Amino acid sequence: MELQWRWFALAEFDALTLYAHLKLRQDVFIIEQNCVYPDMDQYDAVSQHLLGFDPNGQVLASLRLVPPGLKYAEPSIGRVITHPDARRGGTGSKLVAEGLRYASQLYPGQGHRIGAQSHLQGFYGNFGFVPVGQEYLEDNIPHIDMVIAA
C-alpha cells in the first residue's frame, strides 16, 4: 500500500488530523499493547511528526522525530506505529526510512538513537541500528537503546 507522507510540527496540525494521529497511537500503544501510560509527553510539543495517509485520507502510520539534546544527545525517532490494516506490507520500513531521511536532512552529520522494543531489534537492525547497553523495562515492555553512528 502506498501512503502519502507528510510532516507536521504540533502547531501545524488541524484538529481532525491531530485527533486521527493521537487515536492511532492510543489504539495501538495503550489498547492493543495493553500498556496504560501517558502516551503524550513533553517531547510531542517540540518534535516533528510524520504521518502516512492512505488515498482516502486515513492515517495508517506515524512516528515522531525528537530533536537532538532533548531525549538523547542524538536525534531520535520514536512512537513508530502502523495501523493493523497496514502491517506486513512494508509500511513500517517505509515509515522508518522516511523518518531517518528527514532526520539526516534536519541534522546532517549526526548519529541517531532510539529506545526500541527489544523484539524489534532485527527490524531496526535492517536500517543500521546496533544495540547499546542493557535491556530495560519501559512501561513494563522490554526495550533496548540502539544507535546509528554519525
Protein backbone atom coordinates (compact mmCIF):
# COMPACT_ATOMS: atom_id res chain seq x y z
CA MET A 1 0.00 0.00 0.00
CA GLU A 2 1.39 3.37 -0.99
CA LEU A 3 0.94 6.12 1.54
CA GLN A 4 1.37 9.86 1.21
CA TRP A 5 3.91 11.07 3.80
CA ARG A 6 3.52 14.43 5.48
CA TRP A 7 5.47 16.09 8.30
CA PHE A 8 3.87 18.29 10.97
CA ALA A 9 5.04 20.40 13.88
CA LEU A 10 2.45 20.10 16.65
CA ALA A 11 1.11 23.61 15.99
CA GLU A 12 0.58 22.76 12.30
CA PHE A 13 -1.98 20.02 12.85
CA ASP A 14 -5.60 20.69 12.08
CA ALA A 15 -7.95 19.31 14.72
CA LEU A 16 -9.17 16.26 12.78
CA THR A 17 -5.68 15.16 11.69
CA LEU A 18 -4.37 15.56 15.24
CA TYR A 19 -7.31 13.51 16.51
CA ALA A 20 -6.64 10.72 13.97
CA HIS A 21 -2.93 10.71 14.85
CA LEU A 22 -3.47 10.52 18.61
CA LYS A 23 -6.26 7.96 18.25
CA LEU A 24 -3.93 5.67 16.28
CA ARG A 25 -1.29 5.98 18.99
CA GLN A 26 -3.88 5.29 21.70
CA ASP A 27 -5.39 2.32 19.86
CA VAL A 28 -2.05 0.58 19.40
CA PHE A 29 0.22 1.69 22.24
CA ILE A 30 -2.36 1.66 25.02
CA ILE A 31 -5.20 -0.64 23.98
CA GLU A 32 -3.57 -3.20 21.67
CA GLN A 33 -0.36 -3.45 23.71
CA ASN A 34 -2.35 -3.30 26.97
CA CYS A 35 0.00 -0.67 28.35
CA VAL A 36 -1.53 2.10 30.40
CA TYR A 37 0.89 5.01 30.44
CA PRO A 38 0.86 8.67 29.37
CA ASP A 39 1.45 8.41 25.62
CA MET A 40 1.51 12.17 25.10
CA ASP A 41 4.54 13.67 26.81
CA GLN A 42 6.86 16.67 26.88
CA TYR A 43 8.53 15.60 23.61
CA ASP A 44 5.41 15.87 21.46
CA ALA A 45 5.34 19.67 21.53
CA VAL A 46 8.96 20.02 20.34
CA SER A 47 9.03 17.14 17.85
CA GLN A 48 8.28 16.79 14.17
CA HIS A 49 5.54 14.24 13.45
CA LEU A 50 5.41 12.12 10.30
CA LEU A 51 2.04 10.76 9.20
CA GLY A 52 1.26 8.35 6.39
CA PHE A 53 -2.14 8.80 4.74
CA ASP A 54 -3.92 6.27 2.53
CA PRO A 55 -5.73 7.50 -0.63
CA ASN A 56 -8.88 8.09 1.46
CA GLY A 57 -7.02 10.34 3.91
CA GLN A 58 -6.95 7.82 6.78
CA VAL A 59 -3.83 7.95 8.99
CA LEU A 60 -2.23 4.50 8.82
CA ALA A 61 1.29 5.20 10.09
CA SER A 62 3.14 7.74 12.18
CA LEU A 63 6.28 8.50 14.09
CA ARG A 64 7.83 11.46 15.84
CA LEU A 65 11.30 12.90 15.49
CA VAL A 66 12.69 14.33 18.73
CA PRO A 67 15.44 16.92 18.18
CA PRO A 68 18.94 16.22 19.49
CA GLY A 69 19.75 17.25 23.04
CA LEU A 70 16.31 16.59 24.48
CA LYS A 71 15.70 12.87 24.92
CA TYR A 72 19.20 11.84 23.82
CA ALA A 73 22.28 13.69 22.59
CA GLU A 74 21.34 12.49 19.11
CA PRO A 75 18.09 12.98 17.21
CA SER A 76 15.62 10.18 17.88
CA ILE A 77 12.64 8.73 16.09
CA GLY A 78 10.03 7.21 18.33
CA ARG A 79 6.34 6.41 18.71
CA VAL A 80 6.77 4.41 15.49
CA ILE A 81 3.40 2.91 14.65
CA THR A 82 1.45 1.32 11.84
CA HIS A 83 -2.26 0.66 11.83
CA PRO A 84 -3.11 -3.07 11.97
CA ASP A 85 -4.54 -2.84 8.43
CA ALA A 86 -1.20 -1.55 7.10
CA ARG A 87 1.11 -4.15 8.63
CA ARG A 88 3.11 -6.84 6.84
CA GLY A 89 3.31 -4.91 3.59
CA GLY A 90 6.45 -2.84 4.13
CA THR A 91 4.69 0.21 5.54
CA GLY A 92 6.76 0.18 8.73
CA SER A 93 10.01 0.05 6.77
CA LYS A 94 8.94 2.94 4.54
CA LEU A 95 7.91 4.90 7.62
CA VAL A 96 11.27 4.46 9.36
CA ALA A 97 13.20 5.13 6.13
CA GLU A 98 11.37 8.44 5.67
CA GLY A 99 11.92 9.35 9.33
CA LEU A 100 15.66 8.71 9.06
CA ARG A 101 15.88 10.53 5.71
CA TYR A 102 14.28 13.64 7.18
CA ALA A 103 16.38 13.42 10.35
CA SER A 104 19.53 13.35 8.20
CA GLN A 105 18.27 16.40 6.32
CA LEU A 106 17.46 18.36 9.50
CA TYR A 107 20.50 17.19 11.48
CA PRO A 108 23.25 16.38 8.95
CA GLY A 109 26.29 14.52 10.18
CA GLN A 110 24.65 13.37 13.41
CA GLY A 111 24.01 9.82 14.52
CA HIS A 112 20.66 8.59 15.68
CA ARG A 113 19.49 6.88 18.90
CA ILE A 114 16.25 5.09 19.66
CA GLY A 115 14.71 3.25 22.59
CA ALA A 116 13.41 0.18 20.71
CA GLN A 117 11.08 -2.50 21.94
CA SER A 118 13.50 -5.40 22.30
CA HIS A 119 11.63 -7.75 19.97
CA LEU A 120 12.15 -5.21 17.14
CA GLN A 121 15.97 -5.27 17.21
CA GLY A 122 16.10 -7.18 13.91
CA PHE A 123 13.73 -4.72 12.24
CA TYR A 124 15.77 -1.69 13.31
CA GLY A 125 18.99 -3.55 12.54
CA ASN A 126 17.93 -3.50 8.88
CA PHE A 127 18.46 0.28 8.98
CA GLY A 128 21.91 0.05 10.56
CA PHE A 129 20.92 0.40 14.21
CA VAL A 130 23.02 -1.61 16.67
CA PRO A 131 22.06 -2.29 20.30
CA VAL A 132 23.94 -0.50 23.08
CA GLY A 133 23.68 -1.04 26.80
CA GLN A 134 21.45 -3.42 28.65
CA GLU A 135 17.81 -4.26 28.10
CA TYR A 136 15.43 -2.35 30.39
CA LEU A 137 11.72 -2.20 31.12
CA GLU A 138 9.82 0.84 29.96
CA ASP A 139 6.11 0.81 30.70
CA ASN A 140 6.52 -2.89 31.51
CA ILE A 141 7.76 -3.69 27.96
CA PRO A 142 11.39 -4.81 27.37
CA HIS A 143 13.37 -2.14 25.50
CA ILE A 144 16.94 -1.60 24.40
CA ASP A 145 18.73 1.51 23.19
CA MET A 146 20.01 1.30 19.63
CA VAL A 147 22.23 3.70 17.69
CA ILE A 148 23.43 4.55 14.24
CA ALA A 149 26.83 6.25 14.46
CA ALA A 150 27.36 9.67 12.85
